[in-house]
C-alpha atoms as a PDB file:
ATOM      1  CA  UNK A   1       0.000   0.000   0.000  1.00  0.00           C
ATOM      2  CA  UNK A   2       1.565   3.281  -1.104  1.00  0.00           C
ATOM      3  CA  UNK A   3       1.046   6.558   0.707  1.00  0.00           C
ATOM      4  CA  UNK A   4      -0.123   9.503  -1.392  1.00  0.00           C
ATOM      5  CA  UNK A   5       2.364  12.439  -1.490  1.00  0.00           C
ATOM      6  CA  UNK A   6      -0.288  14.752  -0.059  1.00  0.00           C
ATOM      7  CA  UNK A   7      -0.619  12.449   2.929  1.00  0.00           C
ATOM      8  CA  UNK A   8       3.116  12.701   3.548  1.00  0.00           C
ATOM      9  CA  UNK A   9       3.725  16.414   3.087  1.00  0.00           C
ATOM     10  CA  UNK A  10       0.997  17.873   5.308  1.00  0.00           C
ATOM     11  CA  UNK A  11       1.833  15.855   8.450  1.00  0.00           C
ATOM     12  CA  UNK A  12       5.561  16.242   7.764  1.00  0.00           C
ATOM     13  CA  UNK A  13       5.292  20.017   7.499  1.00  0.00           C
ATOM     14  CA  UNK A  14       3.613  20.070  10.890  1.00  0.00           C
ATOM     15  CA  UNK A  15       6.096  17.548  12.265  1.00  0.00           C
ATOM     16  CA  UNK A  16       9.228  19.544  11.535  1.00  0.00           C
ATOM     17  CA  UNK A  17       8.044  23.044  12.465  1.00  0.00           C
ATOM     18  CA  UNK A  18       9.151  24.118  15.920  1.00  0.00           C
ATOM     19  CA  UNK A  19       6.091  26.323  16.349  1.00  0.00           C
ATOM     20  CA  UNK A  20       3.029  25.317  14.363  1.00  0.00           C
ATOM     21  CA  UNK A  21      -0.696  25.547  14.866  1.00  0.00           C
ATOM     22  CA  UNK A  22      -3.226  22.756  14.535  1.00  0.00           C
ATOM     23  CA  UNK A  23      -4.519  22.256  11.027  1.00  0.00           C
ATOM     24  CA  UNK A  24      -8.277  22.041  11.035  1.00  0.00           C
ATOM     25  CA  UNK A  25     -10.171  19.621   8.860  1.00  0.00           C
ATOM     26  CA  UNK A  26     -12.130  22.604   7.544  1.00  0.00           C
ATOM     27  CA  UNK A  27      -8.900  24.349   6.506  1.00  0.00           C
ATOM     28  CA  UNK A  28      -7.057  21.440   4.888  1.00  0.00           C
ATOM     29  CA  UNK A  29      -8.261  18.496   2.823  1.00  0.00           C
ATOM     30  CA  UNK A  30      -6.563  15.520   1.244  1.00  0.00           C
ATOM     31  CA  UNK A  31      -6.876  14.656  -2.416  1.00  0.00           C
ATOM     32  CA  UNK A  32      -7.687  11.099  -3.310  1.00  0.00           C
ATOM     33  CA  UNK A  33      -9.103   8.460  -1.006  1.00  0.00           C
ATOM     34  CA  UNK A  34     -10.263   9.425   2.471  1.00  0.00           C
ATOM     35  CA  UNK A  35      -8.614   8.361   5.690  1.00  0.00           C
ATOM     36  CA  UNK A  36     -10.534   5.880   7.846  1.00  0.00           C
ATOM     37  CA  UNK A  37     -12.945   7.699  10.148  1.00  0.00           C
ATOM     38  CA  UNK A  38     -12.575   6.817  13.844  1.00  0.00           C
ATOM     39  CA  UNK A  39     -15.650   6.037  15.936  1.00  0.00           C
ATOM     40  CA  UNK A  40     -17.392   8.878  17.733  1.00  0.00           C
ATOM     41  CA  UNK A  41     -16.547   7.754  21.262  1.00  0.00           C
ATOM     42  CA  UNK A  42     -13.598   9.275  23.147  1.00  0.00           C
ATOM     43  CA  UNK A  43     -10.956   7.420  25.097  1.00  0.00           C
ATOM     44  CA  UNK A  44     -10.714   8.435  28.738  1.00  0.00           C
ATOM     45  CA  UNK A  45      -8.268   6.003  30.356  1.00  0.00           C
ATOM     46  CA  UNK A  46      -8.831   6.273  34.110  1.00  0.00           C
ATOM     47  CA  UNK A  47      -9.857   9.891  33.593  1.00  0.00           C
ATOM     48  CA  UNK A  48      -6.278  10.738  32.663  1.00  0.00           C
ATOM     49  CA  UNK A  49      -7.470  13.285  30.130  1.00  0.00           C
ATOM     50  CA  UNK A  50      -8.483  15.652  32.960  1.00  0.00           C
ATOM     51  CA  UNK A  51      -5.379  17.791  32.734  1.00  0.00           C
ATOM     52  CA  UNK A  52      -4.338  21.279  31.621  1.00  0.00           C
ATOM     53  CA  UNK A  53      -6.388  21.119  28.416  1.00  0.00           C
ATOM     54  CA  UNK A  54      -9.621  20.535  30.325  1.00  0.00           C
ATOM     55  CA  UNK A  55      -9.951  24.229  31.136  1.00  0.00           C
ATOM     56  CA  UNK A  56     -10.005  25.223  27.461  1.00  0.00           C
ATOM     57  CA  UNK A  57     -12.970  23.162  26.271  1.00  0.00           C
ATOM     58  CA  UNK A  58     -14.765  26.095  24.612  1.00  0.00           C
ATOM     59  CA  UNK A  59     -11.795  27.116  22.488  1.00  0.00           C
ATOM     60  CA  UNK A  60     -10.794  25.736  19.123  1.00  0.00           C
ATOM     61  CA  UNK A  61      -7.758  23.447  18.723  1.00  0.00           C
ATOM     62  CA  UNK A  62      -5.675  26.169  17.065  1.00  0.00           C
ATOM     63  CA  UNK A  63      -6.194  28.636  19.912  1.00  0.00           C
ATOM     64  CA  UNK A  64      -5.544  25.965  22.524  1.00  0.00           C
ATOM     65  CA  UNK A  65      -2.306  24.863  20.834  1.00  0.00           C
ATOM     66  CA  UNK A  66      -0.986  28.396  20.358  1.00  0.00           C
ATOM     67  CA  UNK A  67      -1.817  29.230  23.966  1.00  0.00           C
ATOM     68  CA  UNK A  68       0.081  26.151  25.111  1.00  0.00           C
ATOM     69  CA  UNK A  69       3.144  27.134  23.082  1.00  0.00           C
ATOM     70  CA  UNK A  70       3.087  30.646  24.566  1.00  0.00           C
ATOM     71  CA  UNK A  71       2.015  29.983  28.153  1.00  0.00           C
ATOM     72  CA  UNK A  72       1.739  26.263  28.858  1.00  0.00           C
ATOM     73  CA  UNK A  73       5.393  25.260  28.827  1.00  0.00           C
ATOM     74  CA  UNK A  74       8.834  26.476  29.815  1.00  0.00           C
ATOM     75  CA  UNK A  75      10.398  28.884  27.272  1.00  0.00           C
ATOM     76  CA  UNK A  76      13.147  27.198  25.303  1.00  0.00           C
ATOM     77  CA  UNK A  77      15.764  29.755  26.353  1.00  0.00           C
ATOM     78  CA  UNK A  78      15.176  28.697  29.961  1.00  0.00           C
ATOM     79  CA  UNK A  79      15.728  24.988  29.336  1.00  0.00           C
ATOM     80  CA  UNK A  80      19.113  23.306  29.567  1.00  0.00           C
ATOM     81  CA  UNK A  81      20.396  21.363  26.528  1.00  0.00           C
ATOM     82  CA  UNK A  82      20.745  17.594  26.745  1.00  0.00           C
ATOM     83  CA  UNK A  83      24.171  16.609  25.467  1.00  0.00           C
ATOM     84  CA  UNK A  84      24.516  14.522  22.294  1.00  0.00           C
ATOM     85  CA  UNK A  85      27.737  12.718  21.385  1.00  0.00           C
ATOM     86  CA  UNK A  86      28.650  13.485  17.759  1.00  0.00           C
ATOM     87  CA  UNK A  87      31.933  11.589  18.179  1.00  0.00           C
ATOM     88  CA  UNK A  88      33.966  14.716  17.443  1.00  0.00           C
ATOM     89  CA  UNK A  89      32.535  15.105  13.920  1.00  0.00           C
ATOM     90  CA  UNK A  90      30.167  18.059  14.333  1.00  0.00           C
ATOM     91  CA  UNK A  91      31.482  21.358  12.880  1.00  0.00           C
ATOM     92  CA  UNK A  92      30.336  23.264  15.968  1.00  0.00           C
ATOM     93  CA  UNK A  93      32.194  20.987  18.336  1.00  0.00           C
ATOM     94  CA  UNK A  94      35.668  21.559  19.710  1.00  0.00           C
ATOM     95  CA  UNK A  95      36.744  17.938  19.538  1.00  0.00           C
ATOM     96  CA  UNK A  96      39.771  18.506  21.746  1.00  0.00           C
ATOM     97  CA  UNK A  97      37.461  19.718  24.508  1.00  0.00           C
ATOM     98  CA  UNK A  98      34.725  17.145  23.954  1.00  0.00           C
ATOM     99  CA  UNK A  99      33.088  16.185  27.241  1.00  0.00           C
ATOM    100  CA  UNK A 100      30.197  13.723  27.539  1.00  0.00           C
ATOM    101  CA  UNK A 101      28.941  15.490  30.665  1.00  0.00           C
ATOM    102  CA  UNK A 102      28.859  18.923  29.049  1.00  0.00           C
ATOM    103  CA  UNK A 103      25.425  20.551  29.039  1.00  0.00           C
ATOM    104  CA  UNK A 104      26.231  24.115  27.969  1.00  0.00           C
ATOM    105  CA  UNK A 105      25.808  25.403  24.425  1.00  0.00           C
ATOM    106  CA  UNK A 106      28.909  25.399  22.242  1.00  0.00           C
ATOM    107  CA  UNK A 107      29.569  28.742  20.591  1.00  0.00           C
ATOM    108  CA  UNK A 108      32.948  28.202  18.906  1.00  0.00           C
ATOM    109  CA  UNK A 109      33.417  26.343  15.658  1.00  0.00           C
ATOM    110  CA  UNK A 110      36.122  24.261  14.057  1.00  0.00           C
ATOM    111  CA  UNK A 111      37.431  25.500  10.667  1.00  0.00           C
ATOM    112  CA  UNK A 112      34.822  26.068   7.977  1.00  0.00           C
ATOM    113  CA  UNK A 113      36.409  23.433   5.741  1.00  0.00           C
ATOM    114  CA  UNK A 114      34.703  20.776   7.850  1.00  0.00           C
ATOM    115  CA  UNK A 115      31.360  21.821   6.353  1.00  0.00           C
ATOM    116  CA  UNK A 116      32.571  20.560   2.969  1.00  0.00           C
ATOM    117  CA  UNK A 117      33.691  17.150   4.203  1.00  0.00           C
ATOM    118  CA  UNK A 118      30.882  15.010   2.805  1.00  0.00           C
ATOM    119  CA  UNK A 119      32.267  11.906   4.483  1.00  0.00           C
ATOM    120  CA  UNK A 120      30.975  13.241   7.817  1.00  0.00           C
ATOM    121  CA  UNK A 121      27.345  13.246   6.692  1.00  0.00           C
ATOM    122  CA  UNK A 122      24.917  10.326   6.679  1.00  0.00           C
ATOM    123  CA  UNK A 123      21.162   9.982   5.979  1.00  0.00           C
ATOM    124  CA  UNK A 124      19.130  11.245   8.922  1.00  0.00           C
ATOM    125  CA  UNK A 125      17.773   8.476  11.150  1.00  0.00           C
ATOM    126  CA  UNK A 126      14.374   9.283  12.621  1.00  0.00           C
ATOM    127  CA  UNK A 127      12.851   7.275  15.467  1.00  0.00           C
ATOM    128  CA  UNK A 128       9.063   7.514  15.709  1.00  0.00           C
ATOM    129  CA  UNK A 129       8.210   6.428  19.238  1.00  0.00           C
ATOM    130  CA  UNK A 130       4.615   5.177  19.171  1.00  0.00           C
ATOM    131  CA  UNK A 131       4.447   3.193  22.416  1.00  0.00           C
ATOM    132  CA  UNK A 132       1.901   5.593  23.969  1.00  0.00           C
ATOM    133  CA  UNK A 133      -0.515   4.746  21.151  1.00  0.00           C
ATOM    134  CA  UNK A 134      -1.133   1.510  23.044  1.00  0.00           C
ATOM    135  CA  UNK A 135      -3.693   3.635  24.918  1.00  0.00           C
ATOM    136  CA  UNK A 136      -5.780   3.612  21.715  1.00  0.00           C
ATOM    137  CA  UNK A 137      -4.920   0.217  20.258  1.00  0.00           C
ATOM    138  CA  UNK A 138      -7.965  -1.573  21.669  1.00  0.00           C
ATOM    139  CA  UNK A 139     -10.581   0.948  20.536  1.00  0.00           C
ATOM    140  CA  UNK A 140      -8.826   1.974  17.294  1.00  0.00           C
ATOM    141  CA  UNK A 141      -6.729  -1.034  16.170  1.00  0.00           C
ATOM    142  CA  UNK A 142      -6.847  -0.291  12.427  1.00  0.00           C
ATOM    143  CA  UNK A 143      -5.999   3.382  12.904  1.00  0.00           C
ATOM    144  CA  UNK A 144      -3.067   2.667  15.201  1.00  0.00           C
ATOM    145  CA  UNK A 145      -1.811   0.009  12.784  1.00  0.00           C
ATOM    146  CA  UNK A 146      -2.055   2.459   9.851  1.00  0.00           C
ATOM    147  CA  UNK A 147      -0.072   5.122  11.700  1.00  0.00           C
ATOM    148  CA  UNK A 148       2.605   2.682  12.881  1.00  0.00           C
ATOM    149  CA  UNK A 149       3.012   0.530   9.802  1.00  0.00           C
ATOM    150  CA  UNK A 150       2.153   2.798   6.851  1.00  0.00           C
ATOM    151  CA  UNK A 151       2.212   6.530   7.553  1.00  0.00           C
ATOM    152  CA  UNK A 152       5.204   6.911   9.871  1.00  0.00           C
ATOM    153  CA  UNK A 153       7.534   4.533   7.969  1.00  0.00           C
ATOM    154  CA  UNK A 154       6.756   6.580   4.837  1.00  0.00           C
ATOM    155  CA  UNK A 155       7.703   9.787   6.643  1.00  0.00           C
ATOM    156  CA  UNK A 156      10.872   8.219   8.046  1.00  0.00           C
ATOM    157  CA  UNK A 157      12.015   6.961   4.650  1.00  0.00           C
ATOM    158  CA  UNK A 158      11.143  10.255   2.955  1.00  0.00           C
ATOM    159  CA  UNK A 159      13.321  12.334   5.275  1.00  0.00           C
ATOM    160  CA  UNK A 160      16.119   9.782   5.342  1.00  0.00           C
ATOM    161  CA  UNK A 161      16.327  10.047   1.557  1.00  0.00           C
ATOM    162  CA  UNK A 162      16.031  13.840   1.605  1.00  0.00           C
ATOM    163  CA  UNK A 163      18.426  14.894   4.399  1.00  0.00           C
ATOM    164  CA  UNK A 164      21.955  13.977   5.437  1.00  0.00           C
ATOM    165  CA  UNK A 165      23.422  15.199   8.733  1.00  0.00           C
ATOM    166  CA  UNK A 166      26.286  14.645  11.144  1.00  0.00           C
ATOM    167  CA  UNK A 167      25.186  11.383  12.855  1.00  0.00           C
ATOM    168  CA  UNK A 168      24.617  11.197  16.592  1.00  0.00           C
ATOM    169  CA  UNK A 169      25.730   8.296  18.730  1.00  0.00           C
ATOM    170  CA  UNK A 170      22.410   8.275  20.580  1.00  0.00           C
ATOM    171  CA  UNK A 171      19.604  10.513  21.847  1.00  0.00           C
ATOM    172  CA  UNK A 172      18.777  10.449  25.551  1.00  0.00           C
ATOM    173  CA  UNK A 173      15.356  11.627  26.781  1.00  0.00           C
ATOM    174  CA  UNK A 174      15.161  12.253  30.544  1.00  0.00           C
ATOM    175  CA  UNK A 175      12.035  10.908  32.253  1.00  0.00           C
ATOM    176  CA  UNK A 176      12.383  12.763  35.550  1.00  0.00           C
ATOM    177  CA  UNK A 177      13.996  15.914  36.905  1.00  0.00           C
ATOM    178  CA  UNK A 178      14.534  19.439  35.656  1.00  0.00           C
ATOM    179  CA  UNK A 179      15.738  18.376  32.203  1.00  0.00           C
ATOM    180  CA  UNK A 180      12.719  16.155  31.516  1.00  0.00           C
ATOM    181  CA  UNK A 181      10.919  18.829  29.479  1.00  0.00           C
ATOM    182  CA  UNK A 182       9.574  16.396  26.893  1.00  0.00           C
ATOM    183  CA  UNK A 183       8.158  14.057  29.539  1.00  0.00           C
ATOM    184  CA  UNK A 184       6.552  17.003  31.325  1.00  0.00           C
ATOM    185  CA  UNK A 185       4.920  18.373  28.170  1.00  0.00           C
ATOM    186  CA  UNK A 186       3.705  14.942  27.037  1.00  0.00           C
ATOM    187  CA  UNK A 187       2.114  14.483  30.469  1.00  0.00           C
ATOM    188  CA  UNK A 188       0.457  17.888  30.335  1.00  0.00           C
ATOM    189  CA  UNK A 189      -1.018  17.377  26.858  1.00  0.00           C
ATOM    190  CA  UNK A 190      -2.000  13.708  26.932  1.00  0.00           C
ATOM    191  CA  UNK A 191      -2.258  12.850  30.631  1.00  0.00           C
ATOM    192  CA  UNK A 192       0.201   9.961  30.203  1.00  0.00           C
ATOM    193  CA  UNK A 193       3.686   9.542  31.625  1.00  0.00           C
ATOM    194  CA  UNK A 194       6.380   8.890  29.057  1.00  0.00           C
ATOM    195  CA  UNK A 195       7.216   5.572  30.697  1.00  0.00           C
ATOM    196  CA  UNK A 196       3.598   4.329  30.547  1.00  0.00           C
ATOM    197  CA  UNK A 197       2.996   1.215  28.392  1.00  0.00           C
ATOM    198  CA  UNK A 198       6.698   0.357  28.132  1.00  0.00           C
ATOM    199  CA  UNK A 199       7.397  -3.314  27.494  1.00  0.00           C
ATOM    200  CA  UNK A 200      10.751  -4.996  28.096  1.00  0.00           C
ATOM    201  CA  UNK A 201      12.533  -7.660  26.081  1.00  0.00           C
ATOM    202  CA  UNK A 202      12.725 -10.644  28.419  1.00  0.00           C
ATOM    203  CA  UNK A 203      15.172 -12.408  26.075  1.00  0.00           C
ATOM    204  CA  UNK A 204      17.737  -9.608  26.234  1.00  0.00           C
ATOM    205  CA  UNK A 205      20.809  -9.865  28.441  1.00  0.00           C
ATOM    206  CA  UNK A 206      19.515  -6.997  30.556  1.00  0.00           C
ATOM    207  CA  UNK A 207      15.871  -6.145  31.155  1.00  0.00           C
ATOM    208  CA  UNK A 208      16.538  -2.555  30.108  1.00  0.00           C
ATOM    209  CA  UNK A 209      15.870  -3.166  26.391  1.00  0.00           C
ATOM    210  CA  UNK A 210      12.473  -1.781  25.318  1.00  0.00           C
ATOM    211  CA  UNK A 211      10.596  -4.153  23.012  1.00  0.00           C
ATOM    212  CA  UNK A 212       7.683  -1.961  21.861  1.00  0.00           C
ATOM    213  CA  UNK A 213       9.643   0.999  20.469  1.00  0.00           C
ATOM    214  CA  UNK A 214      11.142   0.301  17.082  1.00  0.00           C
ATOM    215  CA  UNK A 215      11.961  -3.146  15.771  1.00  0.00           C
ATOM    216  CA  UNK A 216      15.709  -3.525  16.217  1.00  0.00           C
ATOM    217  CA  UNK A 217      16.131  -3.309  19.987  1.00  0.00           C
ATOM    218  CA  UNK A 218      17.923   0.033  19.794  1.00  0.00           C
ATOM    219  CA  UNK A 219      15.892   1.661  22.604  1.00  0.00           C
ATOM    220  CA  UNK A 220      16.715   0.999  26.231  1.00  0.00           C
ATOM    221  CA  UNK A 221      16.157   2.346  29.698  1.00  0.00           C
ATOM    222  CA  UNK A 222      19.087   4.401  30.936  1.00  0.00           C
ATOM    223  CA  UNK A 223      21.441   2.823  33.451  1.00  0.00           C
ATOM    224  CA  UNK A 224      19.928   4.913  36.238  1.00  0.00           C
ATOM    225  CA  UNK A 225      16.376   4.108  35.146  1.00  0.00           C
ATOM    226  CA  UNK A 226      15.621   7.809  34.673  1.00  0.00           C
ATOM    227  CA  UNK A 227      15.820   8.174  30.902  1.00  0.00           C
ATOM    228  CA  UNK A 228      15.024   6.533  27.581  1.00  0.00           C
ATOM    229  CA  UNK A 229      18.035   6.048  25.321  1.00  0.00           C
ATOM    230  CA  UNK A 230      17.574   5.809  21.552  1.00  0.00           C
ATOM    231  CA  UNK A 231      20.815   4.359  20.199  1.00  0.00           C
ATOM    232  CA  UNK A 232      21.853   5.145  16.632  1.00  0.00           C
ATOM    233  CA  UNK A 233      19.206   7.822  16.051  1.00  0.00           C
ATOM    234  CA  UNK A 234      19.444  11.501  15.123  1.00  0.00           C
ATOM    235  CA  UNK A 235      15.891  12.665  15.807  1.00  0.00           C
ATOM    236  CA  UNK A 236      13.199  11.239  18.099  1.00  0.00           C
ATOM    237  CA  UNK A 237       9.519  12.025  17.494  1.00  0.00           C
ATOM    238  CA  UNK A 238       7.104  10.906  20.223  1.00  0.00           C
ATOM    239  CA  UNK A 239       3.596  10.211  18.934  1.00  0.00           C
ATOM    240  CA  UNK A 240       1.114  11.042  21.687  1.00  0.00           C
ATOM    241  CA  UNK A 241      -2.578  10.047  22.037  1.00  0.00           C
ATOM    242  CA  UNK A 242      -4.696  13.191  22.378  1.00  0.00           C
ATOM    243  CA  UNK A 243      -7.953  11.980  20.809  1.00  0.00           C
ATOM    244  CA  UNK A 244     -10.883  13.393  22.748  1.00  0.00           C
ATOM    245  CA  UNK A 245      -8.869  16.267  24.265  1.00  0.00           C
ATOM    246  CA  UNK A 246      -9.090  19.917  23.259  1.00  0.00           C
ATOM    247  CA  UNK A 247      -6.169  19.392  20.876  1.00  0.00           C
ATOM    248  CA  UNK A 248      -8.133  16.779  18.975  1.00  0.00           C
ATOM    249  CA  UNK A 249     -11.812  17.280  19.839  1.00  0.00           C
ATOM    250  CA  UNK A 250     -14.798  15.625  18.252  1.00  0.00           C
ATOM    251  CA  UNK A 251     -17.073  17.788  16.137  1.00  0.00           C
ATOM    252  CA  UNK A 252     -20.362  18.913  17.613  1.00  0.00           C
ATOM    253  CA  UNK A 253     -23.394  16.766  16.848  1.00  0.00           C
ATOM    254  CA  UNK A 254     -25.327  18.041  13.866  1.00  0.00           C
ATOM    255  CA  UNK A 255     -22.437  20.009  12.391  1.00  0.00           C
ATOM    256  CA  UNK A 256     -21.275  19.324   8.797  1.00  0.00           C
ATOM    257  CA  UNK A 257     -18.091  17.755  10.218  1.00  0.00           C
ATOM    258  CA  UNK A 258     -19.802  15.650  12.864  1.00  0.00           C
ATOM    259  CA  UNK A 259     -18.258  12.434  11.533  1.00  0.00           C
ATOM    260  CA  UNK A 260     -14.682  13.693  11.570  1.00  0.00           C
ATOM    261  CA  UNK A 261     -12.221  14.941  14.145  1.00  0.00           C
ATOM    262  CA  UNK A 262     -11.318  18.584  13.726  1.00  0.00           C
ATOM    263  CA  UNK A 263      -7.522  18.451  14.070  1.00  0.00           C
ATOM    264  CA  UNK A 264      -5.347  17.210  11.239  1.00  0.00           C
ATOM    265  CA  UNK A 265      -1.885  17.600  12.802  1.00  0.00           C
ATOM    266  CA  UNK A 266       0.222  19.439  15.374  1.00  0.00           C
ATOM    267  CA  UNK A 267       3.873  19.184  16.377  1.00  0.00           C
ATOM    268  CA  UNK A 268       6.735  20.927  18.158  1.00  0.00           C
ATOM    269  CA  UNK A 269      10.196  20.202  19.511  1.00  0.00           C
ATOM    270  CA  UNK A 270      10.816  19.839  23.236  1.00  0.00           C
ATOM    271  CA  UNK A 271      14.537  19.098  23.599  1.00  0.00           C
ATOM    272  CA  UNK A 272      17.726  20.445  22.037  1.00  0.00           C
ATOM    273  CA  UNK A 273      21.416  19.637  22.274  1.00  0.00           C
ATOM    274  CA  UNK A 274      24.583  21.604  23.030  1.00  0.00           C
ATOM    275  CA  UNK A 275      24.735  23.018  19.483  1.00  0.00           C
ATOM    276  CA  UNK A 276      21.091  24.135  19.735  1.00  0.00           C
ATOM    277  CA  UNK A 277      19.778  21.461  17.350  1.00  0.00           C
ATOM    278  CA  UNK A 278      16.299  20.104  18.161  1.00  0.00           C
ATOM    279  CA  UNK A 279      16.730  16.416  18.917  1.00  0.00           C
ATOM    280  CA  UNK A 280      13.323  15.398  20.330  1.00  0.00           C
ATOM    281  CA  UNK A 281       9.779  16.472  19.555  1.00  0.00           C
ATOM    282  CA  UNK A 282       6.249  15.169  19.703  1.00  0.00           C
ATOM    283  CA  UNK A 283       3.208  15.112  17.469  1.00  0.00           C
END
């Protein structure tokens, strides 16, 4: 089953923008066949959707999303970077001073000739983390399967073919503490903790390997149990379940769009590294 180009470009445009509004079904439409329409019932797992969004029920998704970007989260300039090991290959790095514990932004650069060294660049490796979609897999099995097995692999392959970057050794996403901005924002928007629904590979040497993120065993729990580590990836995109919230509300009964959800897509980044590159986001 091939994915239409229109299906790829609209979600991808939302995915990669650092500040983007929701796209309403009334504002954007796909050409060609229609997406499967989810049932009208909402998912409220143990009332976990009663969170920050609950107070904005009379506002449209676009206004709610923009308000969250402005007022609902910590400004990016106030958040500390999470270090990424580029193995001394990144042009912004001072390889002689490389320090795996460094969390400050690097402002000096190595000579400009390094920008022209094509041997440093490799196709970008994107990890779509869909483990939180297990919250919807019982009520929406076909939709979750479509997102996991058709749409997101198409996006991953598209950007891998289109972009080459300095590869990262791994991306670490803190689960707790001051640097856990992504986990905090995911919790605020969806009501779920980032470590909810994690499953572990019982056949692995250590029980830290996560079995329901990706297919090659590259994701593991950090040694201190306080982070998720995505080995061999350059960008992590966390797919969060917000169906039934104010970010993805159901249309009012009797309206022309009563059979469709109003929100097409939303996305932002939530973590950056020492060279100010966004490394983690959610959609």
